[in-house]
Amino acid sequence: MTKKNETTTLITLAKRYARADRIAQHAALNAIVAALDFSQLFSNPIKARMKK
């Protein structure tokens, strides 16, 4: 998968997790990224995408 696909997939999973557990989307995204140990790999693209 390309980085864009991975980022999009993580964001989609975070949205679903947030809706299911009724938590904020950024908290869900942080939980998923931390659980998958992608914190270093995806921190910059996700922040860049959120700024747009």
N, C-alpha and C. Protein backbone atom coordinates (compact mmCIF):
# COMPACT_ATOMS: atom_id res chain seq x y z
N MET A 1 0.84 -1.19 0.00
CA MET A 1 0.00 0.00 0.00
C MET A 1 0.88 1.25 0.00
N THR A 2 0.38 2.25 -0.62
CA THR A 2 1.11 3.51 -0.60
C THR A 2 0.83 4.23 0.72
N LYS A 3 1.63 5.23 1.01
CA LYS A 3 1.43 5.96 2.26
C LYS A 3 0.07 6.66 2.29
N LYS A 4 -0.39 7.15 1.15
CA LYS A 4 -1.69 7.80 1.10
C LYS A 4 -2.80 6.80 1.42
N ASN A 5 -2.71 5.60 0.87
CA ASN A 5 -3.71 4.58 1.15
C ASN A 5 -3.69 4.17 2.62
N GLU A 6 -2.49 4.02 3.17
CA GLU A 6 -2.38 3.66 4.58
C GLU A 6 -2.96 4.76 5.47
N THR A 7 -2.66 5.99 5.14
CA THR A 7 -3.17 7.12 5.92
C THR A 7 -4.69 7.18 5.84
N THR A 8 -5.22 7.03 4.65
CA THR A 8 -6.67 7.06 4.46
C THR A 8 -7.34 5.92 5.22
N THR A 9 -6.74 4.76 5.17
CA THR A 9 -7.29 3.60 5.87
C THR A 9 -7.28 3.81 7.37
N LEU A 10 -6.19 4.34 7.90
CA LEU A 10 -6.12 4.61 9.34
C LEU A 10 -7.15 5.66 9.76
N ILE A 11 -7.34 6.67 8.96
CA ILE A 11 -8.32 7.70 9.30
C ILE A 11 -9.73 7.13 9.26
N THR A 12 -10.02 6.29 8.28
CA THR A 12 -11.33 5.65 8.19
C THR A 12 -11.59 4.75 9.39
N LEU A 13 -10.60 3.96 9.76
CA LEU A 13 -10.74 3.08 10.93
C LEU A 13 -10.93 3.90 12.20
N ALA A 14 -10.21 5.01 12.30
CA ALA A 14 -10.34 5.86 13.48
C ALA A 14 -11.75 6.45 13.57
N LYS A 15 -12.31 6.86 12.43
CA LYS A 15 -13.67 7.40 12.43
C LYS A 15 -14.67 6.35 12.90
N ARG A 16 -14.53 5.14 12.41
CA ARG A 16 -15.44 4.06 12.81
C ARG A 16 -15.30 3.74 14.29
N TYR A 17 -14.06 3.70 14.76
CA TYR A 17 -13.79 3.42 16.17
C TYR A 17 -14.37 4.54 17.05
N ALA A 18 -14.21 5.79 16.61
CA ALA A 18 -14.72 6.92 17.38
C ALA A 18 -16.24 6.88 17.47
N ARG A 19 -16.88 6.56 16.38
CA ARG A 19 -18.35 6.49 16.39
C ARG A 19 -18.84 5.34 17.26
N ALA A 20 -18.15 4.21 17.20
CA ALA A 20 -18.57 3.05 17.97
C ALA A 20 -18.40 3.28 19.47
N ASP A 21 -17.31 3.92 19.86
CA ASP A 21 -17.02 4.13 21.28
C ASP A 21 -17.42 5.52 21.78
N ARG A 22 -17.96 6.35 20.87
CA ARG A 22 -18.38 7.71 21.21
C ARG A 22 -17.25 8.52 21.85
N ILE A 23 -16.12 8.53 21.16
CA ILE A 23 -14.99 9.34 21.59
C ILE A 23 -14.60 10.27 20.46
N ALA A 24 -13.75 11.23 20.75
CA ALA A 24 -13.30 12.17 19.72
C ALA A 24 -12.48 11.44 18.67
N GLN A 25 -12.56 11.91 17.43
CA GLN A 25 -11.85 11.25 16.34
C GLN A 25 -10.35 11.32 16.51
N HIS A 26 -9.83 12.43 17.01
CA HIS A 26 -8.38 12.52 17.18
C HIS A 26 -7.91 11.56 18.27
N ALA A 27 -8.73 11.32 19.29
CA ALA A 27 -8.37 10.37 20.33
C ALA A 27 -8.38 8.94 19.77
N ALA A 28 -9.35 8.65 18.92
CA ALA A 28 -9.42 7.33 18.29
C ALA A 28 -8.24 7.12 17.36
N LEU A 29 -7.88 8.15 16.60
CA LEU A 29 -6.74 8.04 15.69
C LEU A 29 -5.46 7.81 16.48
N ASN A 30 -5.28 8.54 17.57
CA ASN A 30 -4.10 8.35 18.41
C ASN A 30 -4.05 6.94 18.98
N ALA A 31 -5.19 6.41 19.39
CA ALA A 31 -5.24 5.06 19.96
C ALA A 31 -4.87 4.01 18.91
N ILE A 32 -5.40 4.15 17.71
CA ILE A 32 -5.11 3.19 16.64
C ILE A 32 -3.64 3.25 16.23
N VAL A 33 -3.14 4.45 16.05
CA VAL A 33 -1.74 4.63 15.64
C VAL A 33 -0.80 4.09 16.71
N ALA A 34 -1.12 4.32 17.97
CA ALA A 34 -0.28 3.83 19.07
C ALA A 34 -0.34 2.30 19.15
N ALA A 35 -1.54 1.73 18.96
CA ALA A 35 -1.68 0.27 19.03
C ALA A 35 -0.94 -0.43 17.89
N LEU A 36 -0.90 0.21 16.73
CA LEU A 36 -0.22 -0.39 15.58
C LEU A 36 1.25 0.02 15.48
N ASP A 37 1.69 0.85 16.42
CA ASP A 37 3.08 1.31 16.50
C ASP A 37 3.50 2.06 15.23
N PHE A 38 2.60 2.90 14.72
CA PHE A 38 2.89 3.73 13.56
C PHE A 38 3.11 5.19 13.96
N SER A 39 3.36 5.44 15.22
CA SER A 39 3.41 6.81 15.70
C SER A 39 4.47 7.65 14.97
N GLN A 40 5.62 7.10 14.71
CA GLN A 40 6.67 7.85 14.01
C GLN A 40 6.39 7.94 12.52
N LEU A 41 5.83 6.90 11.96
CA LEU A 41 5.65 6.82 10.52
C LEU A 41 4.54 7.73 10.00
N PHE A 42 3.45 7.86 10.75
CA PHE A 42 2.29 8.57 10.24
C PHE A 42 1.99 9.88 10.95
N SER A 43 2.81 10.32 11.84
CA SER A 43 2.49 11.55 12.57
C SER A 43 2.50 12.77 11.65
N ASN A 44 3.47 12.89 10.78
CA ASN A 44 3.56 14.07 9.91
C ASN A 44 2.51 14.09 8.80
N PRO A 45 2.27 13.01 8.05
CA PRO A 45 1.24 13.08 7.00
C PRO A 45 -0.16 13.34 7.54
N ILE A 46 -0.47 12.79 8.70
CA ILE A 46 -1.79 12.99 9.27
C ILE A 46 -1.95 14.44 9.71
N LYS A 47 -0.93 15.00 10.33
CA LYS A 47 -1.00 16.40 10.73
C LYS A 47 -1.09 17.31 9.51
N ALA A 48 -0.37 16.98 8.47
CA ALA A 48 -0.40 17.79 7.25
C ALA A 48 -1.78 17.72 6.61
N ARG A 49 -2.39 16.55 6.63
CA ARG A 49 -3.72 16.41 6.03
C ARG A 49 -4.77 17.16 6.86
N MET A 50 -4.63 17.16 8.18
CA MET A 50 -5.60 17.84 9.02
C MET A 50 -5.53 19.36 8.86
N LYS A 51 -4.38 19.89 8.47
CA LYS A 51 -4.24 21.33 8.30
C LYS A 51 -4.96 21.84 7.07
N LYS A 52 -5.18 20.98 6.07
CA LYS A 52 -5.80 21.40 4.82
C LYS A 52 -7.24 21.73 4.96
